[in-house]
Amino acid sequence: MSKFILFNLFLASFLLVFLGGCAKKEEGKNMSKIMFEKQALLIIAFDGYQDKEYEDTRWELELNDVKITLASNFKGIAHGSLGGNVNVDFLISEIKVDQFDAIVFIGGPGAAAAFQKNSEAHRLCQEAISQNKILAAICISPTVLAKAGVLKNKKATVWSSLTDKNPIEILKQSEAEYVDQAVVIDGKIITSNGPQAAKDFGKAIIKIMNYEL
C-alpha cells in the first residue's frame, strides 16, 4: 500500500474522530440549553391589558431565550387597550409557580380591576416570594403586589399621574418604600411605572435571571 493511500486513510480516520467529538460537544451544548432554559409567566388582564408593555416585555425576554407562558383571568382572546389581541391558554388558577423562574404582571386599565382583589393573583405573588422566584410588575400592577402583601419594606415604583396619585398611596399603605423611578429592583422584586419603560423592565428581569446562572 502506497504512502499516499496510508496518509489518506489516516487523515480520514482523524477527521471522523474529530468531527465526532465536535458533534458530541454540540449535542452537549444543546442539551445544556434545554436543561437550563428559563421560563417566565406573563399575566395579563383579559380585557384591557397594555399592549406595549406586553409586547416589549415579551420581546426582551424571548430575545434572551426565555420561554413564555401566558395566563389571565379568562381563557380565549384577550383584548389590549390599544387594540391588540392575544390568545390565552391558561387561567391564573391553573398556574403552579414552581414551574417558572419569573412571575410577571403586565399593566393596563384592566389590570387593577382584574387582579387587585383577586385571591389567585395574590397566591401567585406570595408563592413567588416564598419560592424565591423573580416577581415583576409594571404600570398599575405593582398595586397587585401591594394588595398581596409582598411589598412590605421593599422599594417599588408604580404608575401615577398628576390627577391620580392613588396607586402610590396603595404602595405606601402596604408599607412599601415608593421610589420615583422608571424601573426599581429590590432583590428579586422588579417594578416599573409604565409602557415607556417596558423594554428596560424586560432587561431588568433578564439581568436578575442571569445572576442565577
N, C-alpha and C. Protein backbone atom coordinates (compact mmCIF):
# COMPACT_ATOMS: atom_id res chain seq x y z
N MET A 1 0.85 -1.19 0.00
CA MET A 1 0.00 0.00 0.00
C MET A 1 0.89 1.24 0.00
N SER A 2 0.61 2.19 -0.87
CA SER A 2 1.48 3.35 -1.01
C SER A 2 1.35 4.27 0.19
N LYS A 3 2.39 5.10 0.39
CA LYS A 3 2.37 6.08 1.48
C LYS A 3 1.22 7.06 1.31
N PHE A 4 0.86 7.35 0.05
CA PHE A 4 -0.22 8.30 -0.22
C PHE A 4 -1.55 7.76 0.29
N ILE A 5 -1.81 6.46 0.02
CA ILE A 5 -3.06 5.83 0.46
C ILE A 5 -3.10 5.76 1.99
N LEU A 6 -1.96 5.38 2.61
CA LEU A 6 -1.90 5.31 4.07
C LEU A 6 -2.17 6.67 4.71
N PHE A 7 -1.61 7.71 4.10
CA PHE A 7 -1.82 9.06 4.62
C PHE A 7 -3.29 9.46 4.55
N ASN A 8 -3.93 9.12 3.40
CA ASN A 8 -5.36 9.46 3.23
C ASN A 8 -6.24 8.71 4.24
N LEU A 9 -5.88 7.44 4.49
CA LEU A 9 -6.65 6.66 5.47
C LEU A 9 -6.49 7.26 6.87
N PHE A 10 -5.26 7.66 7.19
CA PHE A 10 -5.00 8.29 8.49
C PHE A 10 -5.79 9.60 8.63
N LEU A 11 -5.78 10.39 7.55
CA LEU A 11 -6.48 11.68 7.57
C LEU A 11 -7.98 11.48 7.74
N ALA A 12 -8.54 10.49 7.03
CA ALA A 12 -9.97 10.21 7.12
C ALA A 12 -10.35 9.78 8.53
N SER A 13 -9.52 8.92 9.13
CA SER A 13 -9.78 8.45 10.49
C SER A 13 -9.73 9.60 11.48
N PHE A 14 -8.74 10.47 11.30
CA PHE A 14 -8.61 11.63 12.18
C PHE A 14 -9.83 12.53 12.10
N LEU A 15 -10.29 12.78 10.87
CA LEU A 15 -11.45 13.65 10.68
C LEU A 15 -12.71 13.06 11.29
N LEU A 16 -12.87 11.73 11.18
CA LEU A 16 -14.04 11.08 11.76
C LEU A 16 -14.05 11.24 13.28
N VAL A 17 -12.89 11.04 13.90
CA VAL A 17 -12.79 11.17 15.36
C VAL A 17 -13.02 12.62 15.79
N PHE A 18 -12.40 13.55 15.05
CA PHE A 18 -12.50 14.97 15.39
C PHE A 18 -13.92 15.48 15.25
N LEU A 19 -14.55 15.16 14.10
CA LEU A 19 -15.91 15.63 13.85
C LEU A 19 -16.89 14.97 14.80
N GLY A 20 -16.64 13.71 15.12
CA GLY A 20 -17.50 13.01 16.08
C GLY A 20 -17.45 13.68 17.44
N GLY A 21 -16.25 14.07 17.84
CA GLY A 21 -16.09 14.77 19.12
C GLY A 21 -16.79 16.11 19.12
N CYS A 22 -16.69 16.84 18.00
CA CYS A 22 -17.36 18.13 17.88
C CYS A 22 -18.87 17.97 17.97
N ALA A 23 -19.37 16.92 17.30
CA ALA A 23 -20.82 16.67 17.31
C ALA A 23 -21.31 16.40 18.72
N LYS A 24 -20.50 15.62 19.49
CA LYS A 24 -20.89 15.33 20.87
C LYS A 24 -20.87 16.59 21.72
N LYS A 25 -19.86 17.45 21.48
CA LYS A 25 -19.79 18.69 22.23
C LYS A 25 -20.99 19.57 21.91
N GLU A 26 -21.38 19.65 20.63
CA GLU A 26 -22.51 20.47 20.22
C GLU A 26 -23.80 19.92 20.80
N GLU A 27 -23.91 18.58 20.79
CA GLU A 27 -25.09 17.94 21.39
C GLU A 27 -25.16 18.27 22.87
N GLY A 28 -23.99 18.26 23.52
CA GLY A 28 -23.93 18.60 24.94
C GLY A 28 -24.38 20.02 25.20
N LYS A 29 -23.95 20.94 24.31
CA LYS A 29 -24.36 22.34 24.45
C LYS A 29 -25.87 22.47 24.31
N ASN A 30 -26.44 21.77 23.31
CA ASN A 30 -27.88 21.84 23.09
C ASN A 30 -28.65 21.28 24.28
N MET A 31 -28.16 20.14 24.82
CA MET A 31 -28.81 19.55 25.98
C MET A 31 -28.73 20.49 27.17
N SER A 32 -27.57 21.15 27.33
CA SER A 32 -27.41 22.09 28.43
C SER A 32 -28.38 23.23 28.30
N LYS A 33 -28.57 23.72 27.06
CA LYS A 33 -29.50 24.82 26.83
C LYS A 33 -30.91 24.41 27.20
N ILE A 34 -31.29 23.17 26.85
CA ILE A 34 -32.63 22.68 27.18
C ILE A 34 -32.78 22.56 28.69
N MET A 35 -31.76 22.01 29.35
CA MET A 35 -31.82 21.78 30.79
C MET A 35 -31.93 23.09 31.56
N PHE A 36 -31.29 24.16 31.07
CA PHE A 36 -31.24 25.41 31.80
C PHE A 36 -32.12 26.50 31.17
N GLU A 37 -33.06 26.11 30.32
CA GLU A 37 -33.95 27.07 29.69
C GLU A 37 -34.80 27.77 30.75
N LYS A 38 -34.84 29.09 30.67
CA LYS A 38 -35.60 29.87 31.63
C LYS A 38 -37.07 29.96 31.21
N GLN A 39 -37.94 30.03 32.21
CA GLN A 39 -39.38 30.07 31.97
C GLN A 39 -39.98 31.29 32.68
N ALA A 40 -40.79 32.04 31.95
CA ALA A 40 -41.46 33.20 32.55
C ALA A 40 -42.97 33.11 32.31
N LEU A 41 -43.73 33.43 33.33
CA LEU A 41 -45.18 33.52 33.22
C LEU A 41 -45.56 34.99 33.10
N LEU A 42 -46.23 35.35 32.00
CA LEU A 42 -46.75 36.70 31.83
C LEU A 42 -48.25 36.68 32.12
N ILE A 43 -48.69 37.55 33.00
CA ILE A 43 -50.09 37.62 33.40
C ILE A 43 -50.69 38.92 32.87
N ILE A 44 -51.75 38.80 32.10
CA ILE A 44 -52.40 39.98 31.53
C ILE A 44 -53.88 40.00 31.89
N ALA A 45 -54.46 41.19 31.94
CA ALA A 45 -55.90 41.31 32.11
C ALA A 45 -56.58 40.85 30.82
N PHE A 46 -57.63 40.09 30.94
CA PHE A 46 -58.31 39.57 29.75
C PHE A 46 -58.93 40.71 28.94
N ASP A 47 -59.35 41.76 29.62
CA ASP A 47 -59.94 42.92 28.95
C ASP A 47 -59.21 44.18 29.40
N GLY A 48 -58.34 44.68 28.53
CA GLY A 48 -57.66 45.94 28.83
C GLY A 48 -56.24 45.82 29.32
N TYR A 49 -55.48 44.82 28.81
CA TYR A 49 -54.04 44.80 29.12
C TYR A 49 -53.35 45.88 28.29
N GLN A 50 -52.19 46.32 28.71
CA GLN A 50 -51.46 47.36 27.99
C GLN A 50 -50.58 46.72 26.92
N ASP A 51 -50.91 46.97 25.65
CA ASP A 51 -50.27 46.30 24.53
C ASP A 51 -48.76 46.47 24.51
N LYS A 52 -48.29 47.70 24.65
CA LYS A 52 -46.86 47.97 24.54
C LYS A 52 -46.08 47.31 25.67
N GLU A 53 -46.64 47.34 26.87
CA GLU A 53 -45.97 46.69 28.00
C GLU A 53 -45.84 45.19 27.76
N TYR A 54 -46.92 44.60 27.27
CA TYR A 54 -46.89 43.15 26.98
C TYR A 54 -45.89 42.84 25.87
N GLU A 55 -45.99 43.57 24.77
CA GLU A 55 -45.18 43.26 23.59
C GLU A 55 -43.69 43.52 23.83
N ASP A 56 -43.36 44.66 24.43
CA ASP A 56 -41.95 45.00 24.66
C ASP A 56 -41.31 44.08 25.70
N THR A 57 -42.06 43.78 26.76
CA THR A 57 -41.53 42.88 27.78
C THR A 57 -41.30 41.50 27.21
N ARG A 58 -42.29 41.00 26.48
CA ARG A 58 -42.17 39.67 25.88
C ARG A 58 -41.00 39.64 24.89
N TRP A 59 -40.86 40.68 24.10
CA TRP A 59 -39.77 40.75 23.12
C TRP A 59 -38.41 40.64 23.79
N GLU A 60 -38.20 41.39 24.86
CA GLU A 60 -36.91 41.36 25.55
C GLU A 60 -36.64 39.98 26.15
N LEU A 61 -37.66 39.35 26.70
CA LEU A 61 -37.48 38.03 27.30
C LEU A 61 -37.18 36.98 26.24
N GLU A 62 -37.95 36.97 25.16
CA GLU A 62 -37.74 35.97 24.11
C GLU A 62 -36.42 36.21 23.38
N LEU A 63 -35.99 37.45 23.30
CA LEU A 63 -34.70 37.77 22.70
C LEU A 63 -33.56 37.10 23.45
N ASN A 64 -33.81 36.83 24.73
CA ASN A 64 -32.81 36.18 25.58
C ASN A 64 -33.17 34.73 25.89
N ASP A 65 -33.94 34.11 24.98
CA ASP A 65 -34.25 32.68 25.03
C ASP A 65 -35.07 32.26 26.25
N VAL A 66 -35.89 33.17 26.75
CA VAL A 66 -36.79 32.83 27.84
C VAL A 66 -38.11 32.33 27.23
N LYS A 67 -38.56 31.18 27.68
CA LYS A 67 -39.82 30.62 27.20
C LYS A 67 -40.98 31.29 27.92
N ILE A 68 -42.00 31.73 27.16
CA ILE A 68 -43.11 32.49 27.72
C ILE A 68 -44.37 31.64 27.80
N THR A 69 -45.03 31.71 28.95
CA THR A 69 -46.38 31.17 29.13
C THR A 69 -47.28 32.34 29.49
N LEU A 70 -48.48 32.36 28.92
CA LEU A 70 -49.41 33.47 29.12
C LEU A 70 -50.62 33.01 29.91
N ALA A 71 -51.00 33.79 30.91
CA ALA A 71 -52.17 33.45 31.72
C ALA A 71 -53.00 34.70 31.99
N SER A 72 -54.28 34.48 32.29
CA SER A 72 -55.17 35.60 32.57
C SER A 72 -56.31 35.13 33.47
N ASN A 73 -57.27 36.02 33.67
CA ASN A 73 -58.43 35.67 34.48
C ASN A 73 -59.50 34.93 33.68
N PHE A 74 -59.33 34.88 32.36
CA PHE A 74 -60.20 34.10 31.47
C PHE A 74 -59.34 33.49 30.37
N LYS A 75 -59.85 32.45 29.73
CA LYS A 75 -59.20 31.87 28.57
C LYS A 75 -59.85 32.42 27.29
N GLY A 76 -59.07 32.38 26.20
CA GLY A 76 -59.60 32.83 24.91
C GLY A 76 -58.80 34.01 24.40
N ILE A 77 -59.44 34.86 23.61
CA ILE A 77 -58.77 36.01 23.00
C ILE A 77 -58.86 37.21 23.93
N ALA A 78 -57.72 37.59 24.50
CA ALA A 78 -57.66 38.77 25.37
C ALA A 78 -57.49 40.02 24.52
N HIS A 79 -58.03 41.13 24.98
CA HIS A 79 -58.02 42.37 24.21
C HIS A 79 -57.21 43.46 24.91
N GLY A 80 -56.29 44.04 24.14
CA GLY A 80 -55.46 45.11 24.68
C GLY A 80 -56.15 46.45 24.63
N SER A 81 -55.70 47.37 25.44
CA SER A 81 -56.29 48.70 25.50
C SER A 81 -55.99 49.53 24.25
N LEU A 82 -54.99 49.11 23.48
CA LEU A 82 -54.63 49.82 22.25
C LEU A 82 -55.08 49.09 20.99
N GLY A 83 -55.91 48.06 21.16
CA GLY A 83 -56.48 47.37 20.00
C GLY A 83 -55.87 46.03 19.66
N GLY A 84 -54.84 45.63 20.37
CA GLY A 84 -54.23 44.34 20.09
C GLY A 84 -55.02 43.20 20.71
N ASN A 85 -54.66 41.99 20.35
CA ASN A 85 -55.29 40.83 20.99
C ASN A 85 -54.31 39.66 20.96
N VAL A 86 -54.49 38.75 21.91
CA VAL A 86 -53.61 37.61 22.03
C VAL A 86 -54.38 36.47 22.67
N ASN A 87 -54.06 35.24 22.27
CA ASN A 87 -54.77 34.09 22.79
C ASN A 87 -54.19 33.66 24.14
N VAL A 88 -55.07 33.41 25.09
CA VAL A 88 -54.68 32.98 26.43
C VAL A 88 -55.10 31.53 26.63
N ASP A 89 -54.15 30.68 26.98
CA ASP A 89 -54.43 29.25 27.15
C ASP A 89 -54.61 28.83 28.60
N PHE A 90 -54.16 29.69 29.56
CA PHE A 90 -54.17 29.27 30.95
C PHE A 90 -54.86 30.30 31.85
N LEU A 91 -55.62 29.80 32.81
CA LEU A 91 -56.15 30.63 33.89
C LEU A 91 -55.08 30.76 34.97
N ILE A 92 -55.07 31.88 35.67
CA ILE A 92 -54.08 32.03 36.74
C ILE A 92 -54.30 30.98 37.83
N SER A 93 -55.53 30.52 37.97
CA SER A 93 -55.82 29.49 38.98
C SER A 93 -55.19 28.15 38.64
N GLU A 94 -54.77 27.96 37.38
CA GLU A 94 -54.16 26.70 36.94
C GLU A 94 -52.64 26.71 37.08
N ILE A 95 -52.09 27.85 37.43
CA ILE A 95 -50.64 28.01 37.40
C ILE A 95 -49.97 27.48 38.65
N LYS A 96 -48.88 26.73 38.43
CA LYS A 96 -48.02 26.27 39.52
C LYS A 96 -46.71 27.06 39.46
N VAL A 97 -46.49 27.85 40.46
CA VAL A 97 -45.36 28.78 40.47
C VAL A 97 -44.02 28.07 40.34
N ASP A 98 -43.90 26.86 40.89
CA ASP A 98 -42.61 26.18 40.86
C ASP A 98 -42.14 25.80 39.46
N GLN A 99 -42.99 25.96 38.47
CA GLN A 99 -42.61 25.65 37.08
C GLN A 99 -41.96 26.84 36.38
N PHE A 100 -41.87 27.98 37.06
CA PHE A 100 -41.39 29.20 36.41
C PHE A 100 -40.23 29.83 37.19
N ASP A 101 -39.42 30.57 36.45
CA ASP A 101 -38.34 31.34 37.05
C ASP A 101 -38.79 32.76 37.39
N ALA A 102 -39.79 33.26 36.65
CA ALA A 102 -40.28 34.62 36.86
C ALA A 102 -41.79 34.67 36.70
N ILE A 103 -42.45 35.39 37.59
CA ILE A 103 -43.88 35.68 37.50
C ILE A 103 -44.00 37.16 37.21
N VAL A 104 -44.63 37.51 36.08
CA VAL A 104 -44.62 38.89 35.60
C VAL A 104 -46.05 39.38 35.36
N PHE A 105 -46.44 40.44 36.06
CA PHE A 105 -47.74 41.06 35.87
C PHE A 105 -47.62 42.25 34.93
N ILE A 106 -48.37 42.20 33.83
CA ILE A 106 -48.44 43.30 32.87
C ILE A 106 -49.57 44.24 33.30
N GLY A 107 -49.38 45.54 33.06
CA GLY A 107 -50.38 46.52 33.47
C GLY A 107 -51.44 46.80 32.41
N GLY A 108 -52.00 47.99 32.50
CA GLY A 108 -53.09 48.37 31.61
C GLY A 108 -54.34 48.70 32.41
N PRO A 109 -55.31 49.37 31.79
CA PRO A 109 -56.50 49.80 32.52
C PRO A 109 -57.33 48.67 33.11
N GLY A 110 -57.18 47.46 32.58
CA GLY A 110 -57.95 46.34 33.10
C GLY A 110 -57.27 45.58 34.23
N ALA A 111 -55.99 45.86 34.45
CA ALA A 111 -55.22 45.05 35.40
C ALA A 111 -55.65 45.23 36.85
N ALA A 112 -55.94 46.48 37.23
CA ALA A 112 -56.33 46.73 38.63
C ALA A 112 -57.64 46.01 38.95
N ALA A 113 -58.63 46.16 38.08
CA ALA A 113 -59.93 45.52 38.32
C ALA A 113 -59.82 44.00 38.31
N ALA A 114 -58.96 43.48 37.46
CA ALA A 114 -58.84 42.03 37.32
C ALA A 114 -58.09 41.39 38.47
N PHE A 115 -57.07 42.07 39.02
CA PHE A 115 -56.14 41.37 39.92
C PHE A 115 -55.93 41.98 41.30
N GLN A 116 -56.30 43.24 41.52
CA GLN A 116 -56.03 43.84 42.83
C GLN A 116 -56.68 43.06 43.98
N LYS A 117 -57.89 42.56 43.76
CA LYS A 117 -58.62 41.84 44.81
C LYS A 117 -58.79 40.37 44.47
N ASN A 118 -57.95 39.88 43.55
CA ASN A 118 -58.06 38.51 43.07
C ASN A 118 -57.19 37.59 43.94
N SER A 119 -57.81 36.65 44.63
CA SER A 119 -57.08 35.78 45.55
C SER A 119 -56.06 34.91 44.84
N GLU A 120 -56.35 34.52 43.60
CA GLU A 120 -55.40 33.69 42.85
C GLU A 120 -54.18 34.52 42.44
N ALA A 121 -54.39 35.77 42.09
CA ALA A 121 -53.26 36.66 41.78
C ALA A 121 -52.40 36.85 43.02
N HIS A 122 -53.06 37.01 44.17
CA HIS A 122 -52.32 37.16 45.43
C HIS A 122 -51.53 35.89 45.75
N ARG A 123 -52.14 34.75 45.49
CA ARG A 123 -51.44 33.47 45.72
C ARG A 123 -50.16 33.40 44.90
N LEU A 124 -50.24 33.78 43.63
CA LEU A 124 -49.05 33.73 42.76
C LEU A 124 -47.94 34.64 43.30
N CYS A 125 -48.32 35.82 43.76
CA CYS A 125 -47.33 36.75 44.32
C CYS A 125 -46.67 36.15 45.56
N GLN A 126 -47.50 35.63 46.45
CA GLN A 126 -46.99 35.09 47.72
C GLN A 126 -46.13 33.85 47.51
N GLU A 127 -46.54 32.98 46.58
CA GLU A 127 -45.76 31.78 46.31
C GLU A 127 -44.45 32.12 45.60
N ALA A 128 -44.48 33.14 44.75
CA ALA A 128 -43.25 33.57 44.08
C ALA A 128 -42.22 34.01 45.11
N ILE A 129 -42.67 34.75 46.12
CA ILE A 129 -41.76 35.20 47.18
C ILE A 129 -41.27 34.02 48.01
N SER A 130 -42.19 33.16 48.42
CA SER A 130 -41.81 32.04 49.30
C SER A 130 -40.90 31.05 48.59
N GLN A 131 -41.00 30.97 47.25
CA GLN A 131 -40.17 30.04 46.48
C GLN A 131 -38.95 30.72 45.87
N ASN A 132 -38.71 31.98 46.26
CA ASN A 132 -37.54 32.72 45.81
C ASN A 132 -37.49 32.88 44.29
N LYS A 133 -38.65 33.11 43.69
CA LYS A 133 -38.75 33.37 42.26
C LYS A 133 -38.66 34.88 42.01
N ILE A 134 -38.39 35.24 40.76
CA ILE A 134 -38.48 36.65 40.37
C ILE A 134 -39.96 37.02 40.29
N LEU A 135 -40.31 38.15 40.92
CA LEU A 135 -41.68 38.66 40.87
C LEU A 135 -41.61 40.07 40.31
N ALA A 136 -42.28 40.28 39.17
CA ALA A 136 -42.17 41.57 38.48
C ALA A 136 -43.56 42.10 38.13
N ALA A 137 -43.68 43.43 38.14
CA ALA A 137 -44.96 44.07 37.82
C ALA A 137 -44.70 45.44 37.22
N ILE A 138 -45.51 45.80 36.24
CA ILE A 138 -45.33 47.07 35.54
C ILE A 138 -46.63 47.86 35.51
N CYS A 139 -46.50 49.20 35.49
CA CYS A 139 -47.63 50.12 35.36
C CYS A 139 -48.46 50.14 36.63
N ILE A 140 -49.73 49.78 36.55
CA ILE A 140 -50.61 49.74 37.73
C ILE A 140 -50.43 48.44 38.52
N SER A 141 -49.80 47.44 37.91
CA SER A 141 -49.73 46.11 38.51
C SER A 141 -48.92 46.00 39.80
N PRO A 142 -47.97 46.90 40.09
CA PRO A 142 -47.36 46.84 41.42
C PRO A 142 -48.38 46.96 42.56
N THR A 143 -49.55 47.55 42.28
CA THR A 143 -50.59 47.61 43.31
C THR A 143 -51.13 46.21 43.63
N VAL A 144 -51.05 45.31 42.66
CA VAL A 144 -51.46 43.92 42.90
C VAL A 144 -50.51 43.29 43.91
N LEU A 145 -49.22 43.53 43.74
CA LEU A 145 -48.22 43.02 44.69
C LEU A 145 -48.45 43.63 46.07
N ALA A 146 -48.78 44.92 46.08
CA ALA A 146 -49.05 45.59 47.36
C ALA A 146 -50.24 44.95 48.06
N LYS A 147 -51.32 44.74 47.32
CA LYS A 147 -52.53 44.14 47.90
C LYS A 147 -52.28 42.70 48.34
N ALA A 148 -51.32 42.04 47.71
CA ALA A 148 -50.97 40.67 48.09
C ALA A 148 -50.09 40.63 49.33
N GLY A 149 -49.62 41.80 49.77
CA GLY A 149 -48.84 41.88 50.99
C GLY A 149 -47.38 41.52 50.86
N VAL A 150 -46.82 41.64 49.63
CA VAL A 150 -45.42 41.21 49.44
C VAL A 150 -44.45 42.38 49.28
N LEU A 151 -44.93 43.62 49.42
CA LEU A 151 -44.05 44.77 49.23
C LEU A 151 -43.64 45.45 50.53
N LYS A 152 -43.99 44.87 51.66
CA LYS A 152 -43.63 45.48 52.94
C LYS A 152 -42.11 45.61 53.06
N ASN A 153 -41.67 46.85 53.32
CA ASN A 153 -40.24 47.18 53.47
C ASN A 153 -39.45 46.96 52.18
N LYS A 154 -40.14 46.96 51.06
CA LYS A 154 -39.48 46.82 49.75
C LYS A 154 -39.56 48.12 48.97
N LYS A 155 -38.50 48.42 48.21
CA LYS A 155 -38.53 49.56 47.31
C LYS A 155 -39.32 49.18 46.06
N ALA A 156 -40.19 50.08 45.60
CA ALA A 156 -41.01 49.78 44.42
C ALA A 156 -41.49 51.07 43.78
N THR A 157 -41.85 50.97 42.51
CA THR A 157 -42.45 52.09 41.80
C THR A 157 -43.79 51.63 41.22
N VAL A 158 -44.54 52.58 40.68
CA VAL A 158 -45.87 52.28 40.14
C VAL A 158 -46.31 53.44 39.25
N TRP A 159 -47.25 53.16 38.37
CA TRP A 159 -47.81 54.22 37.53
C TRP A 159 -48.60 55.20 38.39
N SER A 160 -48.54 56.48 38.03
CA SER A 160 -49.41 57.50 38.61
C SER A 160 -49.49 58.66 37.62
N SER A 161 -50.36 59.60 37.89
CA SER A 161 -50.49 60.78 37.03
C SER A 161 -50.69 62.00 37.90
N LEU A 162 -50.72 63.18 37.28
CA LEU A 162 -50.91 64.42 38.04
C LEU A 162 -52.26 64.42 38.75
N THR A 163 -53.23 63.73 38.15
CA THR A 163 -54.58 63.73 38.74
C THR A 163 -54.91 62.45 39.51
N ASP A 164 -54.01 61.48 39.47
CA ASP A 164 -54.27 60.22 40.16
C ASP A 164 -53.01 59.70 40.85
N LYS A 165 -52.91 59.97 42.14
CA LYS A 165 -51.79 59.50 42.95
C LYS A 165 -52.17 58.29 43.78
N ASN A 166 -53.37 57.78 43.58
CA ASN A 166 -53.86 56.67 44.40
C ASN A 166 -52.95 55.43 44.34
N PRO A 167 -52.42 55.06 43.16
CA PRO A 167 -51.52 53.89 43.13
C PRO A 167 -50.32 54.03 44.07
N ILE A 168 -49.78 55.25 44.17
CA ILE A 168 -48.66 55.48 45.09
C ILE A 168 -49.12 55.27 46.53
N GLU A 169 -50.32 55.76 46.84
CA GLU A 169 -50.86 55.61 48.19
C GLU A 169 -51.08 54.14 48.53
N ILE A 170 -51.51 53.35 47.55
CA ILE A 170 -51.70 51.90 47.79
C ILE A 170 -50.37 51.26 48.18
N LEU A 171 -49.30 51.64 47.48
CA LEU A 171 -47.98 51.10 47.83
C LEU A 171 -47.57 51.52 49.23
N LYS A 172 -47.76 52.78 49.56
CA LYS A 172 -47.36 53.28 50.88
C LYS A 172 -48.18 52.62 51.99
N GLN A 173 -49.47 52.41 51.72
CA GLN A 173 -50.32 51.75 52.72
C GLN A 173 -49.88 50.31 52.98
N SER A 174 -49.23 49.70 51.97
CA SER A 174 -48.73 48.33 52.15
C SER A 174 -47.34 48.31 52.78
N GLU A 175 -46.87 49.52 53.18
CA GLU A 175 -45.56 49.70 53.82
C GLU A 175 -44.40 49.47 52.86
N ALA A 176 -44.68 49.71 51.56
CA ALA A 176 -43.59 49.73 50.58
C ALA A 176 -42.92 51.10 50.60
N GLU A 177 -41.68 51.14 50.16
CA GLU A 177 -40.97 52.42 50.00
C GLU A 177 -41.09 52.84 48.54
N TYR A 178 -41.95 53.82 48.27
CA TYR A 178 -42.15 54.26 46.89
C TYR A 178 -40.92 55.00 46.38
N VAL A 179 -40.47 54.63 45.17
CA VAL A 179 -39.32 55.28 44.54
C VAL A 179 -39.78 55.80 43.17
N ASP A 180 -39.56 57.08 42.94
CA ASP A 180 -39.99 57.71 41.69
C ASP A 180 -38.95 57.47 40.59
N GLN A 181 -38.92 56.23 40.10
CA GLN A 181 -38.02 55.85 39.01
C GLN A 181 -38.79 54.99 38.01
N ALA A 182 -38.24 54.87 36.80
CA ALA A 182 -38.90 54.08 35.76
C ALA A 182 -38.90 52.59 36.08
N VAL A 183 -37.76 52.09 36.59
CA VAL A 183 -37.62 50.68 36.96
C VAL A 183 -36.92 50.61 38.32
N VAL A 184 -37.45 49.82 39.22
CA VAL A 184 -36.87 49.66 40.55
C VAL A 184 -36.67 48.16 40.82
N ILE A 185 -35.46 47.80 41.24
CA ILE A 185 -35.14 46.42 41.58
C ILE A 185 -34.82 46.35 43.07
N ASP A 186 -35.53 45.48 43.77
CA ASP A 186 -35.24 45.22 45.17
C ASP A 186 -35.17 43.71 45.36
N GLY A 187 -33.96 43.18 45.37
CA GLY A 187 -33.81 41.72 45.40
C GLY A 187 -34.37 41.11 44.13
N LYS A 188 -35.34 40.24 44.29
CA LYS A 188 -35.96 39.61 43.12
C LYS A 188 -37.33 40.20 42.79
N ILE A 189 -37.64 41.35 43.41
CA ILE A 189 -38.87 42.07 43.07
C ILE A 189 -38.50 43.21 42.13
N ILE A 190 -39.15 43.23 40.98
CA ILE A 190 -38.87 44.24 39.95
C ILE A 190 -40.18 44.96 39.62
N THR A 191 -40.18 46.28 39.72
CA THR A 191 -41.37 47.06 39.38
C THR A 191 -41.01 48.15 38.39
N SER A 192 -42.00 48.56 37.61
CA SER A 192 -41.80 49.59 36.60
C SER A 192 -43.06 50.45 36.50
N ASN A 193 -42.89 51.70 36.04
CA ASN A 193 -44.01 52.64 36.12
C ASN A 193 -44.79 52.86 34.84
N GLY A 194 -44.54 52.10 33.77
CA GLY A 194 -45.38 52.28 32.60
C GLY A 194 -44.78 51.83 31.29
N PRO A 195 -45.53 52.00 30.20
CA PRO A 195 -45.15 51.43 28.90
C PRO A 195 -43.84 51.94 28.34
N GLN A 196 -43.48 53.19 28.62
CA GLN A 196 -42.23 53.72 28.07
C GLN A 196 -41.01 53.03 28.66
N ALA A 197 -41.19 52.40 29.80
CA ALA A 197 -40.07 51.71 30.46
C ALA A 197 -40.12 50.20 30.24
N ALA A 198 -41.02 49.72 29.38
CA ALA A 198 -41.25 48.28 29.25
C ALA A 198 -40.00 47.52 28.79
N LYS A 199 -39.25 48.09 27.86
CA LYS A 199 -38.03 47.40 27.40
C LYS A 199 -37.01 47.30 28.53
N ASP A 200 -36.85 48.37 29.27
CA ASP A 200 -35.91 48.34 30.40
C ASP A 200 -36.42 47.40 31.48
N PHE A 201 -37.72 47.31 31.63
CA PHE A 201 -38.33 46.37 32.57
C PHE A 201 -37.97 44.93 32.19
N GLY A 202 -38.12 44.60 30.90
CA GLY A 202 -37.74 43.27 30.42
C GLY A 202 -36.27 43.00 30.62
N LYS A 203 -35.44 44.00 30.36
CA LYS A 203 -33.99 43.84 30.53
C LYS A 203 -33.63 43.62 32.00
N ALA A 204 -34.37 44.28 32.89
CA ALA A 204 -34.11 44.10 34.32
C ALA A 204 -34.43 42.68 34.76
N ILE A 205 -35.50 42.11 34.21
CA ILE A 205 -35.84 40.71 34.52
C ILE A 205 -34.72 39.79 34.06
N ILE A 206 -34.22 40.02 32.86
CA ILE A 206 -33.11 39.22 32.33
C ILE A 206 -31.86 39.38 33.20
N LYS A 207 -31.61 40.59 33.64
CA LYS A 207 -30.44 40.86 34.49
C LYS A 207 -30.48 40.01 35.75
N ILE A 208 -31.64 39.96 36.41
CA ILE A 208 -31.76 39.17 37.64
C ILE A 208 -31.70 37.69 37.31
N MET A 209 -32.29 37.26 36.20
CA MET A 209 -32.19 35.86 35.78
C MET A 209 -30.74 35.45 35.60
N ASN A 210 -29.95 36.33 34.99
CA ASN A 210 -28.56 35.99 34.70
C ASN A 210 -27.71 35.88 35.96
N TYR A 211 -28.11 36.56 37.02
CA TYR A 211 -27.41 36.44 38.30
C TYR A 211 -27.50 35.02 38.85
N GLU A 212 -28.55 34.29 38.42
CA GLU A 212 -28.79 32.95 38.94
C GLU A 212 -28.01 31.90 38.20
N LEU A 213 -27.43 32.24 37.03
CA LEU A 213 -26.75 31.24 36.20
C LEU A 213 -25.42 30.83 36.81
